[in-house]
């Protein structure tokens, strides 16, 4: 059977928009294991953990734009990463005015 060819990132995934309690952020520093320091769009810097299902399928690097869901408790300090945007998706978010982070 062979590997599935992907010609561009545009065909990889559907677009996920932030809901009312989700926040966009930039991965600033990898802290080890499954933790990442994320500078969020709402002004907070959170220690976010990568969701287990995502940890096995997606790599996150410093500078990536991610979607963070703050925890119910300690919401200003901790959260969970559940989506990483591709370069084309980041450009689309900027055009639509949703992403205000450089």
C-alpha atoms as a PDB file:
ATOM      1  CA  UNK A   1       0.000   0.000   0.000  1.00  0.00           C
ATOM      2  CA  UNK A   2       2.344   3.094   0.153  1.00  0.00           C
ATOM      3  CA  UNK A   3       2.273   6.431   1.762  1.00  0.00           C
ATOM      4  CA  UNK A   4      -0.417   8.940   0.960  1.00  0.00           C
ATOM      5  CA  UNK A   5       0.977  11.873  -1.025  1.00  0.00           C
ATOM      6  CA  UNK A   6       0.098  15.363   0.090  1.00  0.00           C
ATOM      7  CA  UNK A   7       0.894  18.053  -2.465  1.00  0.00           C
ATOM      8  CA  UNK A   8       0.180  21.057  -0.253  1.00  0.00           C
ATOM      9  CA  UNK A   9      -0.731  21.795   3.363  1.00  0.00           C
ATOM     10  CA  UNK A  10      -3.948  23.390   2.167  1.00  0.00           C
ATOM     11  CA  UNK A  11      -5.476  19.949   1.511  1.00  0.00           C
ATOM     12  CA  UNK A  12      -4.471  18.501   4.872  1.00  0.00           C
ATOM     13  CA  UNK A  13      -7.056  19.802   7.321  1.00  0.00           C
ATOM     14  CA  UNK A  14     -10.229  21.691   7.806  1.00  0.00           C
ATOM     15  CA  UNK A  15     -10.148  25.116   9.402  1.00  0.00           C
ATOM     16  CA  UNK A  16     -10.884  25.324  13.157  1.00  0.00           C
ATOM     17  CA  UNK A  17     -11.926  28.701  14.549  1.00  0.00           C
ATOM     18  CA  UNK A  18     -11.654  29.652  18.232  1.00  0.00           C
ATOM     19  CA  UNK A  19     -14.878  29.368  20.209  1.00  0.00           C
ATOM     20  CA  UNK A  20     -15.969  31.683  23.019  1.00  0.00           C
ATOM     21  CA  UNK A  21     -13.578  30.335  25.668  1.00  0.00           C
ATOM     22  CA  UNK A  22     -10.622  29.335  23.407  1.00  0.00           C
ATOM     23  CA  UNK A  23      -7.582  31.558  22.857  1.00  0.00           C
ATOM     24  CA  UNK A  24      -5.031  31.819  20.056  1.00  0.00           C
ATOM     25  CA  UNK A  25      -1.381  31.851  21.068  1.00  0.00           C
ATOM     26  CA  UNK A  26       2.234  31.491  19.950  1.00  0.00           C
ATOM     27  CA  UNK A  27       4.371  28.622  21.227  1.00  0.00           C
ATOM     28  CA  UNK A  28       7.333  30.397  22.813  1.00  0.00           C
ATOM     29  CA  UNK A  29       9.335  27.649  24.489  1.00  0.00           C
ATOM     30  CA  UNK A  30       9.231  23.870  24.676  1.00  0.00           C
ATOM     31  CA  UNK A  31       9.408  22.895  28.352  1.00  0.00           C
ATOM     32  CA  UNK A  32       9.764  19.151  27.936  1.00  0.00           C
ATOM     33  CA  UNK A  33       7.520  16.092  27.962  1.00  0.00           C
ATOM     34  CA  UNK A  34       4.232  17.526  26.699  1.00  0.00           C
ATOM     35  CA  UNK A  35       4.393  21.071  28.056  1.00  0.00           C
ATOM     36  CA  UNK A  36       4.779  24.312  26.090  1.00  0.00           C
ATOM     37  CA  UNK A  37       5.027  27.941  27.207  1.00  0.00           C
ATOM     38  CA  UNK A  38       2.410  29.823  25.156  1.00  0.00           C
ATOM     39  CA  UNK A  39       1.996  33.618  24.819  1.00  0.00           C
ATOM     40  CA  UNK A  40      -1.756  33.989  24.350  1.00  0.00           C
ATOM     41  CA  UNK A  41      -3.676  36.694  22.511  1.00  0.00           C
ATOM     42  CA  UNK A  42      -5.504  37.732  25.690  1.00  0.00           C
ATOM     43  CA  UNK A  43      -2.213  38.886  27.276  1.00  0.00           C
ATOM     44  CA  UNK A  44      -1.543  35.896  29.544  1.00  0.00           C
ATOM     45  CA  UNK A  45       1.426  33.555  29.285  1.00  0.00           C
ATOM     46  CA  UNK A  46       0.269  30.015  29.987  1.00  0.00           C
ATOM     47  CA  UNK A  47       1.958  26.675  30.507  1.00  0.00           C
ATOM     48  CA  UNK A  48      -0.090  24.539  28.162  1.00  0.00           C
ATOM     49  CA  UNK A  49       0.018  20.823  27.746  1.00  0.00           C
ATOM     50  CA  UNK A  50      -0.364  19.113  24.398  1.00  0.00           C
ATOM     51  CA  UNK A  51      -3.471  16.973  24.222  1.00  0.00           C
ATOM     52  CA  UNK A  52      -2.691  13.231  24.164  1.00  0.00           C
ATOM     53  CA  UNK A  53      -4.361  12.504  20.836  1.00  0.00           C
ATOM     54  CA  UNK A  54      -2.563  15.443  19.243  1.00  0.00           C
ATOM     55  CA  UNK A  55       0.799  14.588  20.837  1.00  0.00           C
ATOM     56  CA  UNK A  56       1.016  11.384  18.820  1.00  0.00           C
ATOM     57  CA  UNK A  57       0.052  12.968  15.478  1.00  0.00           C
ATOM     58  CA  UNK A  58       1.329  16.550  15.317  1.00  0.00           C
ATOM     59  CA  UNK A  59       4.667  18.204  16.041  1.00  0.00           C
ATOM     60  CA  UNK A  60       4.674  21.637  17.652  1.00  0.00           C
ATOM     61  CA  UNK A  61       7.702  23.920  17.299  1.00  0.00           C
ATOM     62  CA  UNK A  62       8.554  27.300  18.757  1.00  0.00           C
ATOM     63  CA  UNK A  63       6.793  30.052  16.834  1.00  0.00           C
ATOM     64  CA  UNK A  64       3.784  27.944  15.810  1.00  0.00           C
ATOM     65  CA  UNK A  65       0.307  29.431  16.167  1.00  0.00           C
ATOM     66  CA  UNK A  66      -1.817  27.163  18.366  1.00  0.00           C
ATOM     67  CA  UNK A  67      -5.329  27.100  19.785  1.00  0.00           C
ATOM     68  CA  UNK A  68      -5.421  26.876  23.584  1.00  0.00           C
ATOM     69  CA  UNK A  69      -8.318  25.977  25.830  1.00  0.00           C
ATOM     70  CA  UNK A  70      -7.728  27.490  29.300  1.00  0.00           C
ATOM     71  CA  UNK A  71      -8.450  25.210  32.237  1.00  0.00           C
ATOM     72  CA  UNK A  72     -11.535  25.844  34.367  1.00  0.00           C
ATOM     73  CA  UNK A  73      -9.307  26.417  37.406  1.00  0.00           C
ATOM     74  CA  UNK A  74      -6.016  28.369  37.084  1.00  0.00           C
ATOM     75  CA  UNK A  75      -7.293  29.671  33.745  1.00  0.00           C
ATOM     76  CA  UNK A  76      -4.744  32.520  33.656  1.00  0.00           C
ATOM     77  CA  UNK A  77      -1.791  30.156  34.156  1.00  0.00           C
ATOM     78  CA  UNK A  78      -2.576  26.817  32.513  1.00  0.00           C
ATOM     79  CA  UNK A  79      -4.334  25.432  29.473  1.00  0.00           C
ATOM     80  CA  UNK A  80      -4.451  22.682  26.894  1.00  0.00           C
ATOM     81  CA  UNK A  81      -3.313  22.877  23.265  1.00  0.00           C
ATOM     82  CA  UNK A  82      -5.721  21.121  20.945  1.00  0.00           C
ATOM     83  CA  UNK A  83      -4.930  22.582  17.502  1.00  0.00           C
ATOM     84  CA  UNK A  84      -1.881  23.777  15.541  1.00  0.00           C
ATOM     85  CA  UNK A  85      -2.433  25.985  12.514  1.00  0.00           C
ATOM     86  CA  UNK A  86      -0.527  25.557   9.245  1.00  0.00           C
ATOM     87  CA  UNK A  87       1.049  28.525   7.480  1.00  0.00           C
ATOM     88  CA  UNK A  88      -1.872  28.891   5.044  1.00  0.00           C
ATOM     89  CA  UNK A  89      -4.379  28.793   7.893  1.00  0.00           C
ATOM     90  CA  UNK A  90      -2.431  31.486   9.804  1.00  0.00           C
ATOM     91  CA  UNK A  91      -2.538  33.730   6.728  1.00  0.00           C
ATOM     92  CA  UNK A  92      -6.295  33.185   6.459  1.00  0.00           C
ATOM     93  CA  UNK A  93      -6.800  34.034  10.165  1.00  0.00           C
ATOM     94  CA  UNK A  94      -4.834  37.277   9.689  1.00  0.00           C
ATOM     95  CA  UNK A  95      -6.886  38.246   6.603  1.00  0.00           C
ATOM     96  CA  UNK A  96     -10.119  37.669   8.527  1.00  0.00           C
ATOM     97  CA  UNK A  97      -8.870  39.763  11.469  1.00  0.00           C
ATOM     98  CA  UNK A  98      -9.078  36.944  14.034  1.00  0.00           C
ATOM     99  CA  UNK A  99      -5.310  36.713  14.639  1.00  0.00           C
ATOM    100  CA  UNK A 100      -3.687  39.869  15.976  1.00  0.00           C
ATOM    101  CA  UNK A 101      -0.365  38.329  17.096  1.00  0.00           C
ATOM    102  CA  UNK A 102       2.768  38.926  15.017  1.00  0.00           C
END
